[in-house]
PDB file of N, CA and C in Angstrom:
ATOM      1  N   MET A   1       0.848  -1.182   0.000  1.00  0.00           N
ATOM      2  CA  MET A   1       0.000   0.000   0.000  1.00  0.00           C
ATOM      3  C   MET A   1       0.896   1.249   0.000  1.00  0.00           C
ATOM      4  N   PRO A   2       0.624   2.218  -0.891  1.00  0.00           N
ATOM      5  CA  PRO A   2       1.423   3.442  -0.911  1.00  0.00           C
ATOM      6  C   PRO A   2       1.148   4.306   0.323  1.00  0.00           C
ATOM      7  N   LEU A   3       2.125   5.098   0.710  1.00  0.00           N
ATOM      8  CA  LEU A   3       1.941   6.024   1.820  1.00  0.00           C
ATOM      9  C   LEU A   3       1.007   7.155   1.408  1.00  0.00           C
ATOM     10  N   LEU A   4       1.187   7.658   0.189  1.00  0.00           N
ATOM     11  CA  LEU A   4       0.320   8.703  -0.365  1.00  0.00           C
ATOM     12  C   LEU A   4      -0.250   8.185  -1.673  1.00  0.00           C
ATOM     13  N   ASP A   5      -1.571   8.238  -1.799  1.00  0.00           N
ATOM     14  CA  ASP A   5      -2.243   7.753  -2.999  1.00  0.00           C
ATOM     15  C   ASP A   5      -3.239   8.823  -3.452  1.00  0.00           C
ATOM     16  N   VAL A   6      -2.984   9.421  -4.583  1.00  0.00           N
ATOM     17  CA  VAL A   6      -3.836  10.467  -5.141  1.00  0.00           C
ATOM     18  C   VAL A   6      -4.533   9.882  -6.364  1.00  0.00           C
ATOM     19  N   LYS A   7      -5.863   9.963  -6.365  1.00  0.00           N
ATOM     20  CA  LYS A   7      -6.654   9.328  -7.419  1.00  0.00           C
ATOM     21  C   LYS A   7      -7.551  10.348  -8.115  1.00  0.00           C
ATOM     22  N   ASN A   8      -7.287  10.587  -9.405  1.00  0.00           N
ATOM     23  CA  ASN A   8      -8.144  11.414 -10.258  1.00  0.00           C
ATOM     24  C   ASN A   8      -8.465  12.772  -9.621  1.00  0.00           C
ATOM     25  N   LEU A   9      -7.448  13.471  -9.161  1.00  0.00           N
ATOM     26  CA  LEU A   9      -7.613  14.745  -8.450  1.00  0.00           C
ATOM     27  C   LEU A   9      -7.962  15.873  -9.415  1.00  0.00           C
ATOM     28  N   HIS A  10      -9.025  16.578  -9.089  1.00  0.00           N
ATOM     29  CA  HIS A  10      -9.450  17.770  -9.828  1.00  0.00           C
ATOM     30  C   HIS A  10      -9.576  18.907  -8.826  1.00  0.00           C
ATOM     31  N   VAL A  11      -9.077  20.083  -9.214  1.00  0.00           N
ATOM     32  CA  VAL A  11      -9.195  21.267  -8.365  1.00  0.00           C
ATOM     33  C   VAL A  11      -9.584  22.435  -9.260  1.00  0.00           C
ATOM     34  N   ALA A  12     -10.583  23.192  -8.831  1.00  0.00           N
ATOM     35  CA  ALA A  12     -11.059  24.319  -9.629  1.00  0.00           C
ATOM     36  C   ALA A  12     -11.131  25.577  -8.778  1.00  0.00           C
ATOM     37  N   TYR A  13     -10.852  26.700  -9.420  1.00  0.00           N
ATOM     38  CA  TYR A  13     -11.097  28.027  -8.850  1.00  0.00           C
ATOM     39  C   TYR A  13     -12.247  28.614  -9.638  1.00  0.00           C
ATOM     40  N   GLY A  14     -13.447  28.453  -9.117  1.00  0.00           N
ATOM     41  CA  GLY A  14     -14.621  28.870  -9.878  1.00  0.00           C
ATOM     42  C   GLY A  14     -14.758  28.015 -11.128  1.00  0.00           C
ATOM     43  N   SER A  15     -14.793  28.655 -12.288  1.00  0.00           N
ATOM     44  CA  SER A  15     -14.937  27.898 -13.543  1.00  0.00           C
ATOM     45  C   SER A  15     -13.578  27.478 -14.126  1.00  0.00           C
ATOM     46  N   LEU A  16     -12.478  27.936 -13.538  1.00  0.00           N
ATOM     47  CA  LEU A  16     -11.144  27.582 -14.018  1.00  0.00           C
ATOM     48  C   LEU A  16     -10.669  26.293 -13.358  1.00  0.00           C
ATOM     49  N   GLU A  17     -10.495  25.251 -14.156  1.00  0.00           N
ATOM     50  CA  GLU A  17     -10.012  23.978 -13.619  1.00  0.00           C
ATOM     51  C   GLU A  17      -8.487  24.003 -13.642  1.00  0.00           C
ATOM     52  N   ALA A  18      -7.866  24.102 -12.451  1.00  0.00           N
ATOM     53  CA  ALA A  18      -6.414  24.237 -12.327  1.00  0.00           C
ATOM     54  C   ALA A  18      -5.702  22.891 -12.354  1.00  0.00           C
ATOM     55  N   VAL A  19      -6.339  21.865 -11.814  1.00  0.00           N
ATOM     56  CA  VAL A  19      -5.780  20.510 -11.817  1.00  0.00           C
ATOM     57  C   VAL A  19      -6.832  19.608 -12.435  1.00  0.00           C
ATOM     58  N   LYS A  20      -6.426  18.843 -13.455  1.00  0.00           N
ATOM     59  CA  LYS A  20      -7.397  18.109 -14.266  1.00  0.00           C
ATOM     60  C   LYS A  20      -7.154  16.604 -14.216  1.00  0.00           C
ATOM     61  N   GLY A  21      -7.493  15.987 -13.108  1.00  0.00           N
ATOM     62  CA  GLY A  21      -7.504  14.534 -13.052  1.00  0.00           C
ATOM     63  C   GLY A  21      -6.149  13.859 -12.932  1.00  0.00           C
ATOM     64  N   ILE A  22      -5.284  14.363 -12.060  1.00  0.00           N
ATOM     65  CA  ILE A  22      -3.990  13.696 -11.890  1.00  0.00           C
ATOM     66  C   ILE A  22      -4.099  12.558 -10.880  1.00  0.00           C
ATOM     67  N   SER A  23      -3.306  11.557 -11.085  1.00  0.00           N
ATOM     68  CA  SER A  23      -3.227  10.411 -10.181  1.00  0.00           C
ATOM     69  C   SER A  23      -1.760  10.041 -10.018  1.00  0.00           C
ATOM     70  N   PHE A  24      -1.372   9.731  -8.800  1.00  0.00           N
ATOM     71  CA  PHE A  24      -0.013   9.243  -8.543  1.00  0.00           C
ATOM     72  C   PHE A  24       0.020   8.619  -7.161  1.00  0.00           C
ATOM     73  N   HIS A  25       1.046   7.872  -6.883  1.00  0.00           N
ATOM     74  CA  HIS A  25       1.225   7.337  -5.540  1.00  0.00           C
ATOM     75  C   HIS A  25       2.700   7.435  -5.169  1.00  0.00           C
ATOM     76  N   VAL A  26       2.932   7.531  -3.869  1.00  0.00           N
ATOM     77  CA  VAL A  26       4.276   7.649  -3.325  1.00  0.00           C
ATOM     78  C   VAL A  26       4.426   6.596  -2.235  1.00  0.00           C
ATOM     79  N   ALA A  27       5.428   5.759  -2.385  1.00  0.00           N
ATOM     80  CA  ALA A  27       5.691   4.722  -1.387  1.00  0.00           C
ATOM     81  C   ALA A  27       6.447   5.326  -0.200  1.00  0.00           C
ATOM     82  N   GLN A  28       6.379   4.643   0.915  1.00  0.00           N
ATOM     83  CA  GLN A  28       7.136   5.072   2.085  1.00  0.00           C
ATOM     84  C   GLN A  28       8.623   5.093   1.737  1.00  0.00           C
ATOM     85  N   ASN A  29       9.339   6.094   2.200  1.00  0.00           N
ATOM     86  CA  ASN A  29      10.776   6.293   1.961  1.00  0.00           C
ATOM     87  C   ASN A  29      11.104   6.607   0.505  1.00  0.00           C
ATOM     88  N   GLU A  30      10.114   6.906  -0.305  1.00  0.00           N
ATOM     89  CA  GLU A  30      10.341   7.288  -1.694  1.00  0.00           C
ATOM     90  C   GLU A  30      10.344   8.815  -1.788  1.00  0.00           C
ATOM     91  N   MET A  31      11.240   9.358  -2.592  1.00  0.00           N
ATOM     92  CA  MET A  31      11.314  10.797  -2.791  1.00  0.00           C
ATOM     93  C   MET A  31      10.848  11.105  -4.212  1.00  0.00           C
ATOM     94  N   VAL A  32       9.960  12.086  -4.341  1.00  0.00           N
ATOM     95  CA  VAL A  32       9.435  12.449  -5.648  1.00  0.00           C
ATOM     96  C   VAL A  32       9.493  13.961  -5.823  1.00  0.00           C
ATOM     97  N   THR A  33       9.317  14.403  -7.050  1.00  0.00           N
ATOM     98  CA  THR A  33       9.215  15.827  -7.346  1.00  0.00           C
ATOM     99  C   THR A  33       8.079  16.039  -8.324  1.00  0.00           C
ATOM    100  N   ILE A  34       7.543  17.239  -8.326  1.00  0.00           N
ATOM    101  CA  ILE A  34       6.489  17.598  -9.270  1.00  0.00           C
ATOM    102  C   ILE A  34       7.064  18.670 -10.185  1.00  0.00           C
ATOM    103  N   LEU A  35       7.089  18.383 -11.469  1.00  0.00           N
ATOM    104  CA  LEU A  35       7.632  19.299 -12.468  1.00  0.00           C
ATOM    105  C   LEU A  35       6.533  19.774 -13.399  1.00  0.00           C
ATOM    106  N   GLY A  36       6.675  20.995 -13.888  1.00  0.00           N
ATOM    107  CA  GLY A  36       5.734  21.502 -14.868  1.00  0.00           C
ATOM    108  C   GLY A  36       5.971  22.973 -15.121  1.00  0.00           C
ATOM    109  N   ALA A  37       5.402  23.469 -16.171  1.00  0.00           N
ATOM    110  CA  ALA A  37       5.518  24.882 -16.549  1.00  0.00           C
ATOM    111  C   ALA A  37       4.752  25.760 -15.563  1.00  0.00           C
ATOM    112  N   ASN A  38       4.998  27.058 -15.631  1.00  0.00           N
ATOM    113  CA  ASN A  38       4.222  28.006 -14.825  1.00  0.00           C
ATOM    114  C   ASN A  38       2.742  27.823 -15.135  1.00  0.00           C
ATOM    115  N   GLY A  39       1.932  27.780 -14.084  1.00  0.00           N
ATOM    116  CA  GLY A  39       0.496  27.636 -14.270  1.00  0.00           C
ATOM    117  C   GLY A  39       0.020  26.218 -14.510  1.00  0.00           C
ATOM    118  N   ALA A  40       0.908  25.234 -14.343  1.00  0.00           N
ATOM    119  CA  ALA A  40       0.539  23.842 -14.608  1.00  0.00           C
ATOM    120  C   ALA A  40      -0.231  23.186 -13.461  1.00  0.00           C
ATOM    121  N   GLY A  41      -0.240  23.823 -12.281  1.00  0.00           N
ATOM    122  CA  GLY A  41      -0.993  23.272 -11.151  1.00  0.00           C
ATOM    123  C   GLY A  41      -0.145  22.659 -10.053  1.00  0.00           C
ATOM    124  N   LYS A  42       1.159  22.895 -10.057  1.00  0.00           N
ATOM    125  CA  LYS A  42       2.047  22.306  -9.034  1.00  0.00           C
ATOM    126  C   LYS A  42       1.702  22.815  -7.639  1.00  0.00           C
ATOM    127  N   THR A  43       1.636  24.127  -7.478  1.00  0.00           N
ATOM    128  CA  THR A  43       1.334  24.707  -6.168  1.00  0.00           C
ATOM    129  C   THR A  43      -0.080  24.354  -5.734  1.00  0.00           C
ATOM    130  N   THR A  44      -1.022  24.390  -6.652  1.00  0.00           N
ATOM    131  CA  THR A  44      -2.402  24.018  -6.328  1.00  0.00           C
ATOM    132  C   THR A  44      -2.465  22.575  -5.855  1.00  0.00           C
ATOM    133  N   THR A  45      -1.725  21.696  -6.503  1.00  0.00           N
ATOM    134  CA  THR A  45      -1.689  20.293  -6.082  1.00  0.00           C
ATOM    135  C   THR A  45      -1.160  20.172  -4.656  1.00  0.00           C
ATOM    136  N   LEU A  46      -0.061  20.834  -4.354  1.00  0.00           N
ATOM    137  CA  LEU A  46       0.520  20.764  -3.007  1.00  0.00           C
ATOM    138  C   LEU A  46      -0.403  21.381  -1.964  1.00  0.00           C
ATOM    139  N   ARG A  47      -1.042  22.477  -2.293  1.00  0.00           N
ATOM    140  CA  ARG A  47      -1.994  23.087  -1.355  1.00  0.00           C
ATOM    141  C   ARG A  47      -3.186  22.167  -1.110  1.00  0.00           C
ATOM    142  N   THR A  48      -3.588  21.445  -2.127  1.00  0.00           N
ATOM    143  CA  THR A  48      -4.692  20.497  -1.968  1.00  0.00           C
ATOM    144  C   THR A  48      -4.262  19.312  -1.107  1.00  0.00           C
ATOM    145  N   LEU A  49      -3.048  18.818  -1.316  1.00  0.00           N
ATOM    146  CA  LEU A  49      -2.551  17.694  -0.512  1.00  0.00           C
ATOM    147  C   LEU A  49      -2.457  18.051   0.966  1.00  0.00           C
ATOM    148  N   THR A  50      -2.164  19.313   1.271  1.00  0.00           N
ATOM    149  CA  THR A  50      -2.025  19.727   2.667  1.00  0.00           C
ATOM    150  C   THR A  50      -3.333  20.191   3.288  1.00  0.00           C
ATOM    151  N   GLY A  51      -4.421  20.204   2.513  1.00  0.00           N
ATOM    152  CA  GLY A  51      -5.719  20.560   3.057  1.00  0.00           C
ATOM    153  C   GLY A  51      -6.056  22.029   2.977  1.00  0.00           C
ATOM    154  N   LEU A  52      -5.193  22.850   2.379  1.00  0.00           N
ATOM    155  CA  LEU A  52      -5.484  24.278   2.258  1.00  0.00           C
ATOM    156  C   LEU A  52      -6.560  24.556   1.222  1.00  0.00           C
ATOM    157  N   ILE A  53      -6.675  23.661   0.238  1.00  0.00           N
ATOM    158  CA  ILE A  53      -7.696  23.766  -0.804  1.00  0.00           C
ATOM    159  C   ILE A  53      -8.433  22.429  -0.860  1.00  0.00           C
ATOM    160  N   ARG A  54      -9.741  22.491  -1.025  1.00  0.00           N
ATOM    161  CA  ARG A  54     -10.535  21.272  -1.169  1.00  0.00           C
ATOM    162  C   ARG A  54     -10.620  20.883  -2.645  1.00  0.00           C
ATOM    163  N   PRO A  55     -10.426  19.612  -2.967  1.00  0.00           N
ATOM    164  CA  PRO A  55     -10.561  19.196  -4.367  1.00  0.00           C
ATOM    165  C   PRO A  55     -12.022  19.234  -4.803  1.00  0.00           C
ATOM    166  N   SER A  56     -12.239  19.471  -6.078  1.00  0.00           N
ATOM    167  CA  SER A  56     -13.602  19.420  -6.602  1.00  0.00           C
ATOM    168  C   SER A  56     -13.988  17.983  -6.947  1.00  0.00           C
ATOM    169  N   ALA A  57     -12.988  17.114  -7.120  1.00  0.00           N
ATOM    170  CA  ALA A  57     -13.231  15.686  -7.362  1.00  0.00           C
ATOM    171  C   ALA A  57     -11.943  14.925  -7.070  1.00  0.00           C
ATOM    172  N   GLY A  58     -12.074  13.631  -6.893  1.00  0.00           N
ATOM    173  CA  GLY A  58     -10.920  12.778  -6.661  1.00  0.00           C
ATOM    174  C   GLY A  58     -10.733  12.437  -5.191  1.00  0.00           C
ATOM    175  N   GLU A  59      -9.695  11.662  -4.924  1.00  0.00           N
ATOM    176  CA  GLU A  59      -9.418  11.203  -3.560  1.00  0.00           C
ATOM    177  C   GLU A  59      -7.944  11.383  -3.233  1.00  0.00           C
ATOM    178  N   ILE A  60      -7.692  11.682  -1.964  1.00  0.00           N
ATOM    179  CA  ILE A  60      -6.329  11.748  -1.448  1.00  0.00           C
ATOM    180  C   ILE A  60      -6.286  10.853  -0.218  1.00  0.00           C
ATOM    181  N   TRP A  61      -5.453   9.832  -0.276  1.00  0.00           N
ATOM    182  CA  TRP A  61      -5.286   8.899   0.831  1.00  0.00           C
ATOM    183  C   TRP A  61      -3.864   9.016   1.360  1.00  0.00           C
ATOM    184  N   PHE A  62      -3.722   9.160   2.672  1.00  0.00           N
ATOM    185  CA  PHE A  62      -2.411   9.199   3.296  1.00  0.00           C
ATOM    186  C   PHE A  62      -2.370   8.157   4.397  1.00  0.00           C
ATOM    187  N   ASP A  63      -1.477   7.223   4.272  1.00  0.00           N
ATOM    188  CA  ASP A  63      -1.305   6.154   5.265  1.00  0.00           C
ATOM    189  C   ASP A  63      -2.624   5.440   5.552  1.00  0.00           C
ATOM    190  N   GLY A  64      -3.407   5.213   4.480  1.00  0.00           N
ATOM    191  CA  GLY A  64      -4.667   4.486   4.603  1.00  0.00           C
ATOM    192  C   GLY A  64      -5.845   5.314   5.079  1.00  0.00           C
ATOM    193  N   ILE A  65      -5.654   6.627   5.239  1.00  0.00           N
ATOM    194  CA  ILE A  65      -6.726   7.504   5.718  1.00  0.00           C
ATOM    195  C   ILE A  65      -7.169   8.414   4.579  1.00  0.00           C
ATOM    196  N   ASN A  66      -8.465   8.463   4.339  1.00  0.00           N
ATOM    197  CA  ASN A  66      -9.029   9.353   3.331  1.00  0.00           C
ATOM    198  C   ASN A  66      -9.007  10.770   3.896  1.00  0.00           C
ATOM    199  N   LEU A  67      -8.180  11.646   3.328  1.00  0.00           N
ATOM    200  CA  LEU A  67      -8.025  12.990   3.875  1.00  0.00           C
ATOM    201  C   LEU A  67      -9.270  13.852   3.731  1.00  0.00           C
ATOM    202  N   ALA A  68     -10.205  13.469   2.874  1.00  0.00           N
ATOM    203  CA  ALA A  68     -11.459  14.218   2.758  1.00  0.00           C
ATOM    204  C   ALA A  68     -12.275  14.118   4.039  1.00  0.00           C
ATOM    205  N   LEU A  69     -12.004  13.103   4.840  1.00  0.00           N
ATOM    206  CA  LEU A  69     -12.749  12.896   6.080  1.00  0.00           C
ATOM    207  C   LEU A  69     -12.078  13.532   7.290  1.00  0.00           C
ATOM    208  N   VAL A  70     -10.922  14.168   7.083  1.00  0.00           N
ATOM    209  CA  VAL A  70     -10.152  14.752   8.183  1.00  0.00           C
ATOM    210  C   VAL A  70     -10.116  16.264   8.016  1.00  0.00           C
ATOM    211  N   PRO A  71     -10.554  17.028   9.024  1.00  0.00           N
ATOM    212  CA  PRO A  71     -10.470  18.486   8.918  1.00  0.00           C
ATOM    213  C   PRO A  71      -9.008  18.926   8.821  1.00  0.00           C
ATOM    214  N   PRO A  72      -8.700  19.906   7.961  1.00  0.00           N
ATOM    215  CA  PRO A  72      -7.305  20.323   7.770  1.00  0.00           C
ATOM    216  C   PRO A  72      -6.592  20.696   9.061  1.00  0.00           C
ATOM    217  N   HIS A  73      -7.298  21.326  10.015  1.00  0.00           N
ATOM    218  CA  HIS A  73      -6.636  21.756  11.253  1.00  0.00           C
ATOM    219  C   HIS A  73      -6.224  20.583  12.148  1.00  0.00           C
ATOM    220  N   SER A  74      -6.750  19.397  11.878  1.00  0.00           N
ATOM    221  CA  SER A  74      -6.378  18.258  12.711  1.00  0.00           C
ATOM    222  C   SER A  74      -5.339  17.354  12.056  1.00  0.00           C
ATOM    223  N   LEU A  75      -4.883  17.720  10.849  1.00  0.00           N
ATOM    224  CA  LEU A  75      -3.846  16.935  10.200  1.00  0.00           C
ATOM    225  C   LEU A  75      -2.519  17.127  10.935  1.00  0.00           C
ATOM    226  N   HIS A  76      -1.819  16.060  11.120  1.00  0.00           N
ATOM    227  CA  HIS A  76      -0.481  16.145  11.697  1.00  0.00           C
ATOM    228  C   HIS A  76       0.342  15.010  11.142  1.00  0.00           C
ATOM    229  N   TRP A  77       1.637  15.199  11.083  1.00  0.00           N
ATOM    230  CA  TRP A  77       2.536  14.174  10.534  1.00  0.00           C
ATOM    231  C   TRP A  77       3.071  13.341  11.678  1.00  0.00           C
ATOM    232  N   ARG A  78       3.058  12.055  11.481  1.00  0.00           N
ATOM    233  CA  ARG A  78       3.525  11.136  12.536  1.00  0.00           C
ATOM    234  C   ARG A  78       5.004  10.961  12.476  1.00  0.00           C
TER     235      ARG A  78
END
């Protein structure tokens, strides 16, 4: 099971869809990077992963927990 599992993530600012259905997973002890041009959605993706922005669709799972069910203020790293 991956430590971080992102499935079909969509994020929109009003009618502007900033992230359009990305999926990826990160295993424990794995290091990854997100690359892309300006405006590609890198910062929006990271803000969504940390709970600062709510996705309009998709799922984010961290260590087997669906982050949509956890309020952002109660997230903490173990």
